Amino acid sequence: MPTPVSERVQKHRDALRAAGMRPVQIWVPDTSRPGFADECRRQAALVASADAKDAELSGFMDAALSDIEGWE
């Protein structure tokens, strides 16, 4: 007779805990929700506008990227 799913899941979780892991619940945006794409565009426009007003930002970003090996 096969082991019930709940027992297999508990065994797996116990093994992960024994390995020093712990469960974490993460909530993420619902990309299928109406208005999601519009909100993404709105926020991207705000960021682009803020970036355009900060003359030093581009130089800072380029300097930071030059520190990453293999960045082209």
N, C-alpha and C. Protein backbone atom coordinates (compact mmCIF):
# COMPACT_ATOMS: atom_id res chain seq x y z
N MET A 1 0.85 -1.19 0.00
CA MET A 1 0.00 0.00 0.00
C MET A 1 0.89 1.24 0.00
N PRO A 2 0.67 2.18 -0.94
CA PRO A 2 1.51 3.38 -1.03
C PRO A 2 1.34 4.30 0.19
N THR A 3 2.40 5.05 0.46
CA THR A 3 2.37 6.01 1.56
C THR A 3 1.45 7.17 1.18
N PRO A 4 0.57 7.58 2.07
CA PRO A 4 -0.30 8.73 1.77
C PRO A 4 0.54 9.98 1.46
N VAL A 5 0.02 10.82 0.60
CA VAL A 5 0.73 12.02 0.17
C VAL A 5 1.14 12.87 1.37
N SER A 6 0.26 13.04 2.33
CA SER A 6 0.57 13.90 3.48
C SER A 6 1.78 13.38 4.25
N GLU A 7 1.93 12.06 4.34
CA GLU A 7 3.09 11.49 5.03
C GLU A 7 4.38 11.73 4.24
N ARG A 8 4.30 11.57 2.91
CA ARG A 8 5.47 11.82 2.07
C ARG A 8 5.90 13.29 2.14
N VAL A 9 4.93 14.17 2.12
CA VAL A 9 5.22 15.61 2.20
C VAL A 9 5.86 15.93 3.55
N GLN A 10 5.31 15.36 4.63
CA GLN A 10 5.87 15.62 5.96
C GLN A 10 7.29 15.08 6.06
N LYS A 11 7.54 13.91 5.49
CA LYS A 11 8.89 13.33 5.51
C LYS A 11 9.87 14.24 4.76
N HIS A 12 9.42 14.76 3.62
CA HIS A 12 10.26 15.67 2.83
C HIS A 12 10.55 16.95 3.62
N ARG A 13 9.53 17.51 4.24
CA ARG A 13 9.71 18.72 5.04
C ARG A 13 10.64 18.48 6.23
N ASP A 14 10.49 17.33 6.87
CA ASP A 14 11.36 16.99 7.99
C ASP A 14 12.82 16.89 7.54
N ALA A 15 13.03 16.31 6.36
CA ALA A 15 14.40 16.19 5.82
C ALA A 15 14.98 17.57 5.53
N LEU A 16 14.18 18.45 4.98
CA LEU A 16 14.65 19.81 4.70
C LEU A 16 14.99 20.54 6.00
N ARG A 17 14.14 20.41 7.01
CA ARG A 17 14.42 21.05 8.30
C ARG A 17 15.71 20.48 8.91
N ALA A 18 15.89 19.16 8.80
CA ALA A 18 17.10 18.53 9.33
C ALA A 18 18.34 19.04 8.61
N ALA A 19 18.17 19.48 7.37
CA ALA A 19 19.29 20.02 6.58
C ALA A 19 19.50 21.51 6.86
N GLY A 20 18.73 22.05 7.81
CA GLY A 20 18.91 23.45 8.18
C GLY A 20 18.05 24.43 7.41
N MET A 21 17.08 23.93 6.68
CA MET A 21 16.19 24.79 5.90
C MET A 21 14.93 25.07 6.70
N ARG A 22 14.23 26.15 6.31
CA ARG A 22 12.94 26.44 6.91
C ARG A 22 12.00 26.95 5.83
N PRO A 23 10.70 26.70 5.99
CA PRO A 23 9.75 27.15 4.97
C PRO A 23 9.52 28.66 5.04
N VAL A 24 9.33 29.25 3.88
CA VAL A 24 9.04 30.68 3.78
C VAL A 24 7.91 30.85 2.75
N GLN A 25 6.93 31.64 3.11
CA GLN A 25 5.83 31.92 2.19
C GLN A 25 6.11 33.25 1.51
N ILE A 26 6.02 33.27 0.19
CA ILE A 26 6.29 34.48 -0.58
C ILE A 26 5.06 34.85 -1.40
N TRP A 27 4.63 36.08 -1.27
CA TRP A 27 3.50 36.58 -2.05
C TRP A 27 4.06 37.40 -3.20
N VAL A 28 3.57 37.16 -4.38
CA VAL A 28 4.02 37.88 -5.57
C VAL A 28 2.81 38.49 -6.28
N PRO A 29 3.03 39.52 -7.09
CA PRO A 29 1.91 40.12 -7.81
C PRO A 29 1.23 39.12 -8.75
N ASP A 30 -0.07 39.24 -8.88
CA ASP A 30 -0.85 38.40 -9.79
C ASP A 30 -0.79 39.04 -11.17
N THR A 31 0.04 38.48 -12.03
CA THR A 31 0.25 39.05 -13.36
C THR A 31 -0.97 38.91 -14.27
N SER A 32 -1.93 38.07 -13.89
CA SER A 32 -3.13 37.91 -14.73
C SER A 32 -4.25 38.86 -14.30
N ARG A 33 -4.01 39.62 -13.25
CA ARG A 33 -5.03 40.53 -12.75
C ARG A 33 -5.24 41.70 -13.72
N PRO A 34 -6.49 42.09 -13.95
CA PRO A 34 -6.74 43.25 -14.82
C PRO A 34 -6.01 44.48 -14.27
N GLY A 35 -5.38 45.22 -15.14
CA GLY A 35 -4.69 46.43 -14.75
C GLY A 35 -3.22 46.22 -14.40
N PHE A 36 -2.77 44.96 -14.33
CA PHE A 36 -1.38 44.70 -13.96
C PHE A 36 -0.41 45.35 -14.94
N ALA A 37 -0.62 45.14 -16.24
CA ALA A 37 0.28 45.70 -17.26
C ALA A 37 0.26 47.23 -17.21
N ASP A 38 -0.91 47.81 -17.01
CA ASP A 38 -1.01 49.27 -16.92
C ASP A 38 -0.21 49.80 -15.72
N GLU A 39 -0.29 49.10 -14.60
CA GLU A 39 0.45 49.52 -13.41
C GLU A 39 1.96 49.38 -13.64
N CYS A 40 2.38 48.33 -14.35
CA CYS A 40 3.79 48.17 -14.68
C CYS A 40 4.28 49.34 -15.53
N ARG A 41 3.49 49.69 -16.53
CA ARG A 41 3.86 50.83 -17.39
C ARG A 41 3.93 52.13 -16.58
N ARG A 42 2.97 52.32 -15.68
CA ARG A 42 2.95 53.54 -14.86
C ARG A 42 4.21 53.63 -13.99
N GLN A 43 4.55 52.52 -13.35
CA GLN A 43 5.73 52.53 -12.49
C GLN A 43 7.02 52.68 -13.30
N ALA A 44 7.08 52.04 -14.46
CA ALA A 44 8.27 52.16 -15.31
C ALA A 44 8.45 53.60 -15.78
N ALA A 45 7.35 54.27 -16.10
CA ALA A 45 7.42 55.67 -16.52
C ALA A 45 7.92 56.56 -15.38
N LEU A 46 7.48 56.28 -14.16
CA LEU A 46 7.95 57.04 -13.00
C LEU A 46 9.46 56.86 -12.80
N VAL A 47 9.93 55.62 -12.94
CA VAL A 47 11.36 55.35 -12.78
C VAL A 47 12.15 56.04 -13.89
N ALA A 48 11.67 55.93 -15.12
CA ALA A 48 12.36 56.56 -16.25
C ALA A 48 12.43 58.07 -16.06
N SER A 49 11.36 58.66 -15.58
CA SER A 49 11.33 60.10 -15.35
C SER A 49 12.33 60.50 -14.27
N ALA A 50 12.37 59.72 -13.18
CA ALA A 50 13.32 60.00 -12.10
C ALA A 50 14.76 59.84 -12.59
N ASP A 51 15.00 58.79 -13.38
CA ASP A 51 16.35 58.56 -13.92
C ASP A 51 16.79 59.71 -14.83
N ALA A 52 15.87 60.21 -15.64
CA ALA A 52 16.20 61.29 -16.57
C ALA A 52 16.57 62.57 -15.83
N LYS A 53 16.03 62.75 -14.63
CA LYS A 53 16.32 63.95 -13.85
C LYS A 53 17.62 63.85 -13.06
N ASP A 54 18.21 62.65 -12.98
CA ASP A 54 19.43 62.43 -12.19
C ASP A 54 20.61 62.24 -13.14
N ALA A 55 21.32 63.33 -13.41
CA ALA A 55 22.42 63.30 -14.38
C ALA A 55 23.56 62.39 -13.95
N GLU A 56 23.77 62.21 -12.68
CA GLU A 56 24.88 61.39 -12.18
C GLU A 56 24.56 59.90 -12.16
N LEU A 57 23.30 59.54 -12.26
CA LEU A 57 22.90 58.15 -12.14
C LEU A 57 23.52 57.26 -13.21
N SER A 58 23.49 57.70 -14.45
CA SER A 58 24.03 56.88 -15.54
C SER A 58 25.51 56.57 -15.32
N GLY A 59 26.27 57.56 -14.94
CA GLY A 59 27.70 57.35 -14.67
C GLY A 59 27.91 56.39 -13.51
N PHE A 60 27.11 56.54 -12.48
CA PHE A 60 27.20 55.64 -11.32
C PHE A 60 26.91 54.20 -11.73
N MET A 61 25.86 54.01 -12.52
CA MET A 61 25.48 52.67 -12.98
C MET A 61 26.58 52.06 -13.86
N ASP A 62 27.15 52.86 -14.76
CA ASP A 62 28.23 52.36 -15.61
C ASP A 62 29.43 51.96 -14.78
N ALA A 63 29.76 52.75 -13.78
CA ALA A 63 30.89 52.42 -12.90
C ALA A 63 30.62 51.14 -12.13
N ALA A 64 29.40 50.97 -11.66
CA ALA A 64 29.06 49.76 -10.91
C ALA A 64 29.12 48.53 -11.82
N LEU A 65 28.65 48.66 -13.05
CA LEU A 65 28.67 47.53 -13.98
C LEU A 65 30.09 47.16 -14.38
N SER A 66 30.99 48.14 -14.42
CA SER A 66 32.37 47.83 -14.81
C SER A 66 33.06 46.97 -13.78
N ASP A 67 32.52 46.92 -12.56
CA ASP A 67 33.08 46.08 -11.51
C ASP A 67 32.64 44.62 -11.64
N ILE A 68 31.66 44.36 -12.48
CA ILE A 68 31.15 42.98 -12.63
C ILE A 68 31.93 42.29 -13.75
N GLU A 69 32.62 41.23 -13.38
CA GLU A 69 33.45 40.51 -14.34
C GLU A 69 32.59 39.92 -15.46
N GLY A 70 33.02 40.11 -16.68
CA GLY A 70 32.31 39.57 -17.83
C GLY A 70 31.17 40.42 -18.33
N TRP A 71 30.90 41.56 -17.70
CA TRP A 71 29.80 42.41 -18.16
C TRP A 71 30.22 43.14 -19.42
N GLU A 72 29.38 43.09 -20.40
CA GLU A 72 29.70 43.75 -21.68
C GLU A 72 28.60 44.66 -22.10
